[in-house]
Structure formats: structure tokens, C-alpha cells
Amino acid sequence: MKLGTVIGRVTLSKSVDLLKGGRFLVVSPFNREQFAKGIDAKPGMGTDPSLVVYDDIGGGVGDVIGYEEGAEAAQPFEVSPPIDAINCALVDEMFYNPWKG
């Protein structure tokens, strides 16, 4: 699972019936510097490109979420939908203790 900040939403004119009731979020993935700042890190600091994540658990702009990419994103569905990433968690609190070895 990866963490990222929701920086926007995607509006669709058509959707696959299997995905009705959910929404698509634009997510900025966390980088090492953002982990050090914790849950209050500002979005858009990362150097990785943003991605679109399917959400049916209620994430919104400004939230930190945990998401899964690839084939694992389709696992919750009986029939594989056309998605590459899915929201798995809404993060309330985050602790970062880097290894100093």
C-alpha cells in the first residue's frame, strides 16, 4: 500500500456500471520528505506524478489515503473493472521513524 494526499476529483460523463456509486480522486503520492512532516504535509510537494484512484469509502480533497495499484486494485470486485488504483484506507494519524542504521 502507498500513501498520498487527495488533491482533486475527476468528473466523468460516462462510467462503467460496476463502478457506479464511487468516485475518482486525483492523488499526489507521498515522498520521503512528506513522511518526515507527517499527516500535515502539504500536497504537491512530491516529485512523482499524480494519479487517479477509484474511491468508494469517502475520501475527499485534503485527505491522506492509502491506495493500492495494479492487479490488486481489482481484487475487491467479482468482475475486474477498468481501474489501476483503488483507495484502501483513510489515514487519521501517521508516525514516521526512519531507520538510522
PDB file of N, CA and C in Angstrom:
ATOM      1  N   MET A   1       0.850  -1.169   0.000  1.00  0.00           N
ATOM      2  CA  MET A   1       0.000   0.000   0.000  1.00  0.00           C
ATOM      3  C   MET A   1       0.895   1.231   0.000  1.00  0.00           C
ATOM      4  N   LYS A   2       0.474   2.240  -0.720  1.00  0.00           N
ATOM      5  CA  LYS A   2       1.169   3.518  -0.785  1.00  0.00           C
ATOM      6  C   LYS A   2       0.268   4.585  -0.175  1.00  0.00           C
ATOM      7  N   LEU A   3       0.877   5.687   0.249  1.00  0.00           N
ATOM      8  CA  LEU A   3       0.121   6.796   0.813  1.00  0.00           C
ATOM      9  C   LEU A   3       0.214   8.013  -0.096  1.00  0.00           C
ATOM     10  N   GLY A   4      -0.846   8.804  -0.099  1.00  0.00           N
ATOM     11  CA  GLY A   4      -0.860  10.024  -0.886  1.00  0.00           C
ATOM     12  C   GLY A   4      -1.922  10.982  -0.384  1.00  0.00           C
ATOM     13  N   THR A   5      -1.839  12.214  -0.837  1.00  0.00           N
ATOM     14  CA  THR A   5      -2.808  13.242  -0.477  1.00  0.00           C
ATOM     15  C   THR A   5      -3.752  13.480  -1.641  1.00  0.00           C
ATOM     16  N   VAL A   6      -5.039  13.532  -1.350  1.00  0.00           N
ATOM     17  CA  VAL A   6      -6.041  13.802  -2.388  1.00  0.00           C
ATOM     18  C   VAL A   6      -5.968  15.290  -2.727  1.00  0.00           C
ATOM     19  N   ILE A   7      -5.703  15.578  -4.012  1.00  0.00           N
ATOM     20  CA  ILE A   7      -5.575  16.978  -4.435  1.00  0.00           C
ATOM     21  C   ILE A   7      -6.688  17.406  -5.387  1.00  0.00           C
ATOM     22  N   GLY A   8      -7.599  16.495  -5.722  1.00  0.00           N
ATOM     23  CA  GLY A   8      -8.692  16.861  -6.614  1.00  0.00           C
ATOM     24  C   GLY A   8      -9.602  15.684  -6.908  1.00  0.00           C
ATOM     25  N   ARG A   9     -10.637  15.942  -7.697  1.00  0.00           N
ATOM     26  CA  ARG A   9     -11.590  14.905  -8.113  1.00  0.00           C
ATOM     27  C   ARG A   9     -11.709  14.922  -9.620  1.00  0.00           C
ATOM     28  N   VAL A  10     -12.118  13.793 -10.163  1.00  0.00           N
ATOM     29  CA  VAL A  10     -12.331  13.659 -11.599  1.00  0.00           C
ATOM     30  C   VAL A  10     -13.830  13.529 -11.828  1.00  0.00           C
ATOM     31  N   THR A  11     -14.357  14.271 -12.790  1.00  0.00           N
ATOM     32  CA  THR A  11     -15.767  14.175 -13.149  1.00  0.00           C
ATOM     33  C   THR A  11     -15.879  13.435 -14.472  1.00  0.00           C
ATOM     34  N   LEU A  12     -16.711  12.415 -14.503  1.00  0.00           N
ATOM     35  CA  LEU A  12     -16.886  11.599 -15.706  1.00  0.00           C
ATOM     36  C   LEU A  12     -18.246  11.864 -16.334  1.00  0.00           C
ATOM     37  N   SER A  13     -18.300  11.788 -17.649  1.00  0.00           N
ATOM     38  CA  SER A  13     -19.594  11.909 -18.320  1.00  0.00           C
ATOM     39  C   SER A  13     -20.240  10.531 -18.451  1.00  0.00           C
ATOM     40  N   LYS A  14     -19.435   9.471 -18.464  1.00  0.00           N
ATOM     41  CA  LYS A  14     -19.940   8.097 -18.506  1.00  0.00           C
ATOM     42  C   LYS A  14     -19.077   7.238 -17.603  1.00  0.00           C
ATOM     43  N   SER A  15     -19.665   6.184 -17.071  1.00  0.00           N
ATOM     44  CA  SER A  15     -18.922   5.285 -16.201  1.00  0.00           C
ATOM     45  C   SER A  15     -19.387   3.855 -16.413  1.00  0.00           C
ATOM     46  N   VAL A  16     -18.545   2.922 -16.071  1.00  0.00           N
ATOM     47  CA  VAL A  16     -18.897   1.512 -16.114  1.00  0.00           C
ATOM     48  C   VAL A  16     -19.889   1.244 -14.977  1.00  0.00           C
ATOM     49  N   ASP A  17     -20.956   0.492 -15.250  1.00  0.00           N
ATOM     50  CA  ASP A  17     -21.992   0.232 -14.235  1.00  0.00           C
ATOM     51  C   ASP A  17     -21.410  -0.324 -12.940  1.00  0.00           C
ATOM     52  N   LEU A  18     -20.381  -1.138 -13.032  1.00  0.00           N
ATOM     53  CA  LEU A  18     -19.755  -1.755 -11.865  1.00  0.00           C
ATOM     54  C   LEU A  18     -19.169  -0.713 -10.909  1.00  0.00           C
ATOM     55  N   LEU A  19     -18.823   0.454 -11.419  1.00  0.00           N
ATOM     56  CA  LEU A  19     -18.174   1.490 -10.612  1.00  0.00           C
ATOM     57  C   LEU A  19     -19.121   2.599 -10.159  1.00  0.00           C
ATOM     58  N   LYS A  20     -20.407   2.469 -10.444  1.00  0.00           N
ATOM     59  CA  LYS A  20     -21.375   3.490 -10.025  1.00  0.00           C
ATOM     60  C   LYS A  20     -21.436   3.531  -8.500  1.00  0.00           C
ATOM     61  N   GLY A  21     -21.542   4.737  -7.971  1.00  0.00           N
ATOM     62  CA  GLY A  21     -21.593   4.920  -6.519  1.00  0.00           C
ATOM     63  C   GLY A  21     -20.245   5.311  -5.945  1.00  0.00           C
ATOM     64  N   GLY A  22     -19.186   5.145  -6.714  1.00  0.00           N
ATOM     65  CA  GLY A  22     -17.858   5.551  -6.281  1.00  0.00           C
ATOM     66  C   GLY A  22     -17.466   6.841  -6.965  1.00  0.00           C
ATOM     67  N   ARG A  23     -16.256   7.290  -6.712  1.00  0.00           N
ATOM     68  CA  ARG A  23     -15.743   8.497  -7.357  1.00  0.00           C
ATOM     69  C   ARG A  23     -14.281   8.275  -7.707  1.00  0.00           C
ATOM     70  N   PHE A  24     -13.735   9.148  -8.504  1.00  0.00           N
ATOM     71  CA  PHE A  24     -12.324   9.071  -8.861  1.00  0.00           C
ATOM     72  C   PHE A  24     -11.613  10.287  -8.276  1.00  0.00           C
ATOM     73  N   LEU A  25     -10.506  10.052  -7.580  1.00  0.00           N
ATOM     74  CA  LEU A  25      -9.751  11.094  -6.914  1.00  0.00           C
ATOM     75  C   LEU A  25      -8.391  11.272  -7.583  1.00  0.00           C
ATOM     76  N   VAL A  26      -7.907  12.504  -7.625  1.00  0.00           N
ATOM     77  CA  VAL A  26      -6.550  12.777  -8.084  1.00  0.00           C
ATOM     78  C   VAL A  26      -5.675  12.790  -6.831  1.00  0.00           C
ATOM     79  N   VAL A  27      -4.632  11.951  -6.836  1.00  0.00           N
ATOM     80  CA  VAL A  27      -3.807  11.756  -5.645  1.00  0.00           C
ATOM     81  C   VAL A  27      -2.347  12.085  -5.950  1.00  0.00           C
ATOM     82  N   SER A  28      -1.728  12.840  -5.049  1.00  0.00           N
ATOM     83  CA  SER A  28      -0.299  13.136  -5.111  1.00  0.00           C
ATOM     84  C   SER A  28       0.406  12.171  -4.160  1.00  0.00           C
ATOM     85  N   PRO A  29       1.209  11.236  -4.685  1.00  0.00           N
ATOM     86  CA  PRO A  29       1.879  10.253  -3.815  1.00  0.00           C
ATOM     87  C   PRO A  29       2.840  10.936  -2.841  1.00  0.00           C
ATOM     88  N   PHE A  30       2.939  10.368  -1.637  1.00  0.00           N
ATOM     89  CA  PHE A  30       3.884  10.868  -0.642  1.00  0.00           C
ATOM     90  C   PHE A  30       5.304  10.507  -1.052  1.00  0.00           C
ATOM     91  N   ASN A  31       6.246  11.401  -0.727  1.00  0.00           N
ATOM     92  CA  ASN A  31       7.660  11.088  -0.880  1.00  0.00           C
ATOM     93  C   ASN A  31       8.303  11.100   0.510  1.00  0.00           C
ATOM     94  N   ARG A  32       9.587  10.836   0.582  1.00  0.00           N
ATOM     95  CA  ARG A  32      10.278  10.735   1.871  1.00  0.00           C
ATOM     96  C   ARG A  32      10.168  12.021   2.695  1.00  0.00           C
ATOM     97  N   GLU A  33      10.279  13.173   2.053  1.00  0.00           N
ATOM     98  CA  GLU A  33      10.201  14.440   2.778  1.00  0.00           C
ATOM     99  C   GLU A  33       8.817  14.650   3.394  1.00  0.00           C
ATOM    100  N   GLN A  34       7.782  14.236   2.674  1.00  0.00           N
ATOM    101  CA  GLN A  34       6.427  14.384   3.208  1.00  0.00           C
ATOM    102  C   GLN A  34       6.193  13.454   4.390  1.00  0.00           C
ATOM    103  N   PHE A  35       6.754  12.244   4.366  1.00  0.00           N
ATOM    104  CA  PHE A  35       6.621  11.343   5.511  1.00  0.00           C
ATOM    105  C   PHE A  35       7.220  11.987   6.758  1.00  0.00           C
ATOM    106  N   ALA A  36       8.345  12.661   6.597  1.00  0.00           N
ATOM    107  CA  ALA A  36       9.000  13.301   7.737  1.00  0.00           C
ATOM    108  C   ALA A  36       8.127  14.397   8.338  1.00  0.00           C
ATOM    109  N   LYS A  37       7.294  15.064   7.508  1.00  0.00           N
ATOM    110  CA  LYS A  37       6.418  16.118   8.001  1.00  0.00           C
ATOM    111  C   LYS A  37       5.109  15.577   8.563  1.00  0.00           C
ATOM    112  N   GLY A  38       4.776  14.326   8.266  1.00  0.00           N
ATOM    113  CA  GLY A  38       3.583  13.699   8.822  1.00  0.00           C
ATOM    114  C   GLY A  38       2.310  14.046   8.080  1.00  0.00           C
ATOM    115  N   ILE A  39       1.202  13.853   8.748  1.00  0.00           N
ATOM    116  CA  ILE A  39      -0.119  13.983   8.138  1.00  0.00           C
ATOM    117  C   ILE A  39      -0.413  15.418   7.694  1.00  0.00           C
ATOM    118  N   ASP A  40       0.320  16.399   8.246  1.00  0.00           N
ATOM    119  CA  ASP A  40       0.080  17.792   7.896  1.00  0.00           C
ATOM    120  C   ASP A  40       0.882  18.250   6.679  1.00  0.00           C
ATOM    121  N   ALA A  41       1.553  17.312   5.990  1.00  0.00           N
ATOM    122  CA  ALA A  41       2.337  17.680   4.809  1.00  0.00           C
ATOM    123  C   ALA A  41       1.428  18.285   3.747  1.00  0.00           C
ATOM    124  N   LYS A  42       1.919  19.295   3.083  1.00  0.00           N
ATOM    125  CA  LYS A  42       1.126  19.936   2.032  1.00  0.00           C
ATOM    126  C   LYS A  42       1.205  19.116   0.744  1.00  0.00           C
ATOM    127  N   PRO A  43       0.091  18.978   0.019  1.00  0.00           N
ATOM    128  CA  PRO A  43       0.115  18.220  -1.234  1.00  0.00           C
ATOM    129  C   PRO A  43       0.917  18.947  -2.304  1.00  0.00           C
ATOM    130  N   GLY A  44       1.341  18.184  -3.286  1.00  0.00           N
ATOM    131  CA  GLY A  44       2.030  18.765  -4.413  1.00  0.00           C
ATOM    132  C   GLY A  44       3.525  18.890  -4.231  1.00  0.00           C
ATOM    133  N   MET A  45       4.063  18.475  -3.075  1.00  0.00           N
ATOM    134  CA  MET A  45       5.492  18.555  -2.841  1.00  0.00           C
ATOM    135  C   MET A  45       6.245  17.424  -3.533  1.00  0.00           C
ATOM    136  N   GLY A  46       5.578  16.348  -3.814  1.00  0.00           N
ATOM    137  CA  GLY A  46       6.232  15.180  -4.365  1.00  0.00           C
ATOM    138  C   GLY A  46       6.728  15.384  -5.783  1.00  0.00           C
ATOM    139  N   THR A  47       7.741  14.606  -6.139  1.00  0.00           N
ATOM    140  CA  THR A  47       8.271  14.669  -7.496  1.00  0.00           C
ATOM    141  C   THR A  47       7.615  13.620  -8.387  1.00  0.00           C
ATOM    142  N   ASP A  48       6.929  12.664  -7.784  1.00  0.00           N
ATOM    143  CA  ASP A  48       6.234  11.641  -8.564  1.00  0.00           C
ATOM    144  C   ASP A  48       4.975  12.236  -9.178  1.00  0.00           C
ATOM    145  N   PRO A  49       4.594  11.766 -10.378  1.00  0.00           N
ATOM    146  CA  PRO A  49       3.369  12.290 -10.995  1.00  0.00           C
ATOM    147  C   PRO A  49       2.121  11.869 -10.207  1.00  0.00           C
ATOM    148  N   SER A  50       1.100  12.704 -10.268  1.00  0.00           N
ATOM    149  CA  SER A  50      -0.176  12.381  -9.624  1.00  0.00           C
ATOM    150  C   SER A  50      -0.853  11.249 -10.371  1.00  0.00           C
ATOM    151  N   LEU A  51      -1.807  10.587  -9.710  1.00  0.00           N
ATOM    152  CA  LEU A  51      -2.538   9.503 -10.346  1.00  0.00           C
ATOM    153  C   LEU A  51      -4.006   9.580  -9.974  1.00  0.00           C
ATOM    154  N   VAL A  52      -4.826   8.858 -10.721  1.00  0.00           N
ATOM    155  CA  VAL A  52      -6.261   8.810 -10.472  1.00  0.00           C
ATOM    156  C   VAL A  52      -6.566   7.503  -9.752  1.00  0.00           C
ATOM    157  N   VAL A  53      -7.293   7.611  -8.631  1.00  0.00           N
ATOM    158  CA  VAL A  53      -7.591   6.479  -7.761  1.00  0.00           C
ATOM    159  C   VAL A  53      -9.099   6.346  -7.616  1.00  0.00           C
ATOM    160  N   TYR A  54      -9.634   5.129  -7.794  1.00  0.00           N
ATOM    161  CA  TYR A  54     -11.062   4.881  -7.576  1.00  0.00           C
ATOM    162  C   TYR A  54     -11.316   4.834  -6.077  1.00  0.00           C
ATOM    163  N   ASP A  55     -12.400   5.466  -5.641  1.00  0.00           N
ATOM    164  CA  ASP A  55     -12.716   5.559  -4.215  1.00  0.00           C
ATOM    165  C   ASP A  55     -14.185   5.275  -3.982  1.00  0.00           C
ATOM    166  N   ASP A  56     -14.468   4.345  -3.077  1.00  0.00           N
ATOM    167  CA  ASP A  56     -15.860   4.129  -2.673  1.00  0.00           C
ATOM    168  C   ASP A  56     -15.998   4.122  -1.151  1.00  0.00           C
ATOM    169  N   ILE A  57     -14.978   4.686  -0.453  1.00  0.00           N
ATOM    170  CA  ILE A  57     -15.057   4.745   1.010  1.00  0.00           C
ATOM    171  C   ILE A  57     -15.111   6.177   1.547  1.00  0.00           C
ATOM    172  N   GLY A  58     -15.150   7.177   0.658  1.00  0.00           N
ATOM    173  CA  GLY A  58     -15.429   8.543   1.093  1.00  0.00           C
ATOM    174  C   GLY A  58     -14.244   9.469   1.256  1.00  0.00           C
ATOM    175  N   GLY A  59     -13.168   9.260   0.537  1.00  0.00           N
ATOM    176  CA  GLY A  59     -12.040  10.193   0.602  1.00  0.00           C
ATOM    177  C   GLY A  59     -12.391  11.511  -0.057  1.00  0.00           C
ATOM    178  N   GLY A  60     -11.790  12.578   0.428  1.00  0.00           N
ATOM    179  CA  GLY A  60     -12.059  13.893  -0.134  1.00  0.00           C
ATOM    180  C   GLY A  60     -10.784  14.708  -0.268  1.00  0.00           C
ATOM    181  N   VAL A  61     -10.889  15.846  -0.907  1.00  0.00           N
ATOM    182  CA  VAL A  61      -9.737  16.723  -1.120  1.00  0.00           C
ATOM    183  C   VAL A  61      -9.114  17.095   0.223  1.00  0.00           C
ATOM    184  N   GLY A  62      -7.797  16.932   0.319  1.00  0.00           N
ATOM    185  CA  GLY A  62      -7.064  17.227   1.544  1.00  0.00           C
ATOM    186  C   GLY A  62      -6.815  16.010   2.418  1.00  0.00           C
ATOM    187  N   ASP A  63      -7.537  14.921   2.182  1.00  0.00           N
ATOM    188  CA  ASP A  63      -7.351  13.703   2.978  1.00  0.00           C
ATOM    189  C   ASP A  63      -6.087  12.973   2.562  1.00  0.00           C
ATOM    190  N   VAL A  64      -5.480  12.293   3.539  1.00  0.00           N
ATOM    191  CA  VAL A  64      -4.386  11.369   3.249  1.00  0.00           C
ATOM    192  C   VAL A  64      -5.011   9.992   3.153  1.00  0.00           C
ATOM    193  N   ILE A  65      -4.725   9.287   2.050  1.00  0.00           N
ATOM    194  CA  ILE A  65      -5.316   7.968   1.841  1.00  0.00           C
ATOM    195  C   ILE A  65      -4.228   6.930   1.602  1.00  0.00           C
ATOM    196  N   GLY A  66      -4.592   5.682   1.816  1.00  0.00           N
ATOM    197  CA  GLY A  66      -3.755   4.555   1.443  1.00  0.00           C
ATOM    198  C   GLY A  66      -4.368   3.933   0.206  1.00  0.00           C
ATOM    199  N   TYR A  67      -3.555   3.714  -0.823  1.00  0.00           N
ATOM    200  CA  TYR A  67      -4.091   3.175  -2.067  1.00  0.00           C
ATOM    201  C   TYR A  67      -3.226   2.026  -2.561  1.00  0.00           C
ATOM    202  N   GLU A  68      -3.835   1.189  -3.361  1.00  0.00           N
ATOM    203  CA  GLU A  68      -3.174   0.034  -3.953  1.00  0.00           C
ATOM    204  C   GLU A  68      -3.252   0.174  -5.459  1.00  0.00           C
ATOM    205  N   GLU A  69      -2.167  -0.189  -6.142  1.00  0.00           N
ATOM    206  CA  GLU A  69      -2.112  -0.076  -7.599  1.00  0.00           C
ATOM    207  C   GLU A  69      -1.989  -1.453  -8.241  1.00  0.00           C
ATOM    208  N   GLY A  70      -2.245  -1.489  -9.538  1.00  0.00           N
ATOM    209  CA  GLY A  70      -2.041  -2.707 -10.316  1.00  0.00           C
ATOM    210  C   GLY A  70      -3.196  -3.687 -10.196  1.00  0.00           C
ATOM    211  N   ALA A  71      -2.891  -4.976 -10.388  1.00  0.00           N
ATOM    212  CA  ALA A  71      -3.918  -6.019 -10.368  1.00  0.00           C
ATOM    213  C   ALA A  71      -4.639  -6.087  -9.025  1.00  0.00           C
ATOM    214  N   GLU A  72      -3.963  -5.714  -7.946  1.00  0.00           N
ATOM    215  CA  GLU A  72      -4.580  -5.744  -6.615  1.00  0.00           C
ATOM    216  C   GLU A  72      -5.756  -4.779  -6.512  1.00  0.00           C
ATOM    217  N   ALA A  73      -5.772  -3.739  -7.318  1.00  0.00           N
ATOM    218  CA  ALA A  73      -6.854  -2.758  -7.276  1.00  0.00           C
ATOM    219  C   ALA A  73      -8.190  -3.374  -7.674  1.00  0.00           C
ATOM    220  N   ALA A  74      -8.177  -4.397  -8.506  1.00  0.00           N
ATOM    221  CA  ALA A  74      -9.416  -5.029  -8.979  1.00  0.00           C
ATOM    222  C   ALA A  74      -9.869  -6.185  -8.090  1.00  0.00           C
ATOM    223  N   GLN A  75      -9.086  -6.563  -7.090  1.00  0.00           N
ATOM    224  CA  GLN A  75      -9.405  -7.717  -6.263  1.00  0.00           C
ATOM    225  C   GLN A  75     -10.734  -7.639  -5.509  1.00  0.00           C
ATOM    226  N   PRO A  76     -11.187  -6.463  -5.045  1.00  0.00           N
ATOM    227  CA  PRO A  76     -12.452  -6.421  -4.313  1.00  0.00           C
ATOM    228  C   PRO A  76     -13.692  -6.701  -5.170  1.00  0.00           C
ATOM    229  N   PHE A  77     -13.540  -6.745  -6.471  1.00  0.00           N
ATOM    230  CA  PHE A  77     -14.675  -6.900  -7.377  1.00  0.00           C
ATOM    231  C   PHE A  77     -14.742  -8.332  -7.915  1.00  0.00           C
ATOM    232  N   GLU A  78     -15.967  -8.819  -8.131  1.00  0.00           N
ATOM    233  CA  GLU A  78     -16.142 -10.155  -8.718  1.00  0.00           C
ATOM    234  C   GLU A  78     -15.711 -10.168 -10.178  1.00  0.00           C
ATOM    235  N   VAL A  79     -16.028  -9.089 -10.890  1.00  0.00           N
ATOM    236  CA  VAL A  79     -15.620  -8.917 -12.288  1.00  0.00           C
ATOM    237  C   VAL A  79     -14.606  -7.784 -12.303  1.00  0.00           C
ATOM    238  N   SER A  80     -13.466  -7.986 -12.963  1.00  0.00           N
ATOM    239  CA  SER A  80     -12.413  -6.969 -12.960  1.00  0.00           C
ATOM    240  C   SER A  80     -12.849  -5.691 -13.674  1.00  0.00           C
ATOM    241  N   PRO A  81     -12.884  -4.562 -12.947  1.00  0.00           N
ATOM    242  CA  PRO A  81     -13.247  -3.289 -13.577  1.00  0.00           C
ATOM    243  C   PRO A  81     -12.006  -2.646 -14.212  1.00  0.00           C
ATOM    244  N   PRO A  82     -12.205  -1.647 -15.048  1.00  0.00           N
ATOM    245  CA  PRO A  82     -11.072  -0.973 -15.690  1.00  0.00           C
ATOM    246  C   PRO A  82     -10.460   0.107 -14.782  1.00  0.00           C
ATOM    247  N   ILE A  83      -9.811  -0.315 -13.691  1.00  0.00           N
ATOM    248  CA  ILE A  83      -9.137   0.628 -12.791  1.00  0.00           C
ATOM    249  C   ILE A  83      -7.709   0.150 -12.545  1.00  0.00           C
ATOM    250  N   ASP A  84      -6.824   1.093 -12.265  1.00  0.00           N
ATOM    251  CA  ASP A  84      -5.428   0.783 -11.975  1.00  0.00           C
ATOM    252  C   ASP A  84      -5.054   1.061 -10.530  1.00  0.00           C
ATOM    253  N   ALA A  85      -5.909   1.776  -9.792  1.00  0.00           N
ATOM    254  CA  ALA A  85      -5.614   2.096  -8.396  1.00  0.00           C
ATOM    255  C   ALA A  85      -6.929   2.236  -7.633  1.00  0.00           C
ATOM    256  N   ILE A  86      -6.921   1.810  -6.361  1.00  0.00           N
ATOM    257  CA  ILE A  86      -8.119   1.871  -5.525  1.00  0.00           C
ATOM    258  C   ILE A  86      -7.747   2.374  -4.136  1.00  0.00           C
ATOM    259  N   ASN A  87      -8.630   3.172  -3.546  1.00  0.00           N
ATOM    260  CA  ASN A  87      -8.455   3.680  -2.189  1.00  0.00           C
ATOM    261  C   ASN A  87      -8.775   2.563  -1.206  1.00  0.00           C
ATOM    262  N   CYS A  88      -7.816   2.240  -0.337  1.00  0.00           N
ATOM    263  CA  CYS A  88      -7.992   1.164   0.647  1.00  0.00           C
ATOM    264  C   CYS A  88      -8.166   1.680   2.066  1.00  0.00           C
ATOM    265  N   ALA A  89      -7.726   2.922   2.338  1.00  0.00           N
ATOM    266  CA  ALA A  89      -7.739   3.409   3.718  1.00  0.00           C
ATOM    267  C   ALA A  89      -7.793   4.927   3.759  1.00  0.00           C
ATOM    268  N   LEU A  90      -8.468   5.440   4.777  1.00  0.00           N
ATOM    269  CA  LEU A  90      -8.448   6.863   5.101  1.00  0.00           C
ATOM    270  C   LEU A  90      -7.541   7.004   6.324  1.00  0.00           C
ATOM    271  N   VAL A  91      -6.453   7.739   6.209  1.00  0.00           N
ATOM    272  CA  VAL A  91      -5.438   7.822   7.266  1.00  0.00           C
ATOM    273  C   VAL A  91      -5.803   8.931   8.244  1.00  0.00           C
ATOM    274  N   ASP A  92      -5.907   8.570   9.528  1.00  0.00           N
ATOM    275  CA  ASP A  92      -6.201   9.541  10.575  1.00  0.00           C
ATOM    276  C   ASP A  92      -4.926  10.100  11.192  1.00  0.00           C
ATOM    277  N   GLU A  93      -3.949   9.215  11.392  1.00  0.00           N
ATOM    278  CA  GLU A  93      -2.727   9.594  12.079  1.00  0.00           C
ATOM    279  C   GLU A  93      -1.571   8.832  11.461  1.00  0.00           C
ATOM    280  N   MET A  94      -0.400   9.458  11.466  1.00  0.00           N
ATOM    281  CA  MET A  94       0.747   8.815  10.841  1.00  0.00           C
ATOM    282  C   MET A  94       1.990   9.103  11.681  1.00  0.00           C
ATOM    283  N   PHE A  95       2.804   8.059  11.902  1.00  0.00           N
ATOM    284  CA  PHE A  95       4.056   8.198  12.631  1.00  0.00           C
ATOM    285  C   PHE A  95       5.181   7.745  11.719  1.00  0.00           C
ATOM    286  N   TYR A  96       6.257   8.492  11.688  1.00  0.00           N
ATOM    287  CA  TYR A  96       7.385   8.179  10.811  1.00  0.00           C
ATOM    288  C   TYR A  96       8.654   8.141  11.644  1.00  0.00           C
ATOM    289  N   ASN A  97       9.277   6.965  11.726  1.00  0.00           N
ATOM    290  CA  ASN A  97      10.523   6.791  12.463  1.00  0.00           C
ATOM    291  C   ASN A  97      11.535   6.131  11.531  1.00  0.00           C
ATOM    292  N   PRO A  98      12.320   6.931  10.801  1.00  0.00           N
ATOM    293  CA  PRO A  98      13.263   6.349   9.850  1.00  0.00           C
ATOM    294  C   PRO A  98      14.358   5.557  10.569  1.00  0.00           C
ATOM    295  N   TRP A  99      14.811   4.524   9.901  1.00  0.00           N
ATOM    296  CA  TRP A  99      15.874   3.689  10.425  1.00  0.00           C
ATOM    297  C   TRP A  99      17.194   4.420  10.334  1.00  0.00           C
ATOM    298  N   LYS A 100      17.957   4.452  11.388  1.00  0.00           N
ATOM    299  CA  LYS A 100      19.205   5.215  11.408  1.00  0.00           C
ATOM    300  C   LYS A 100      20.416   4.289  11.400  1.00  0.00           C
ATOM    301  N   GLY A 101      20.308   3.158  10.694  1.00  0.00           N
ATOM    302  CA  GLY A 101      21.383   2.161  10.679  1.00  0.00           C
ATOM    303  C   GLY A 101      22.486   2.518   9.848  1.00  0.00           C
TER     304      GLY A 101
END
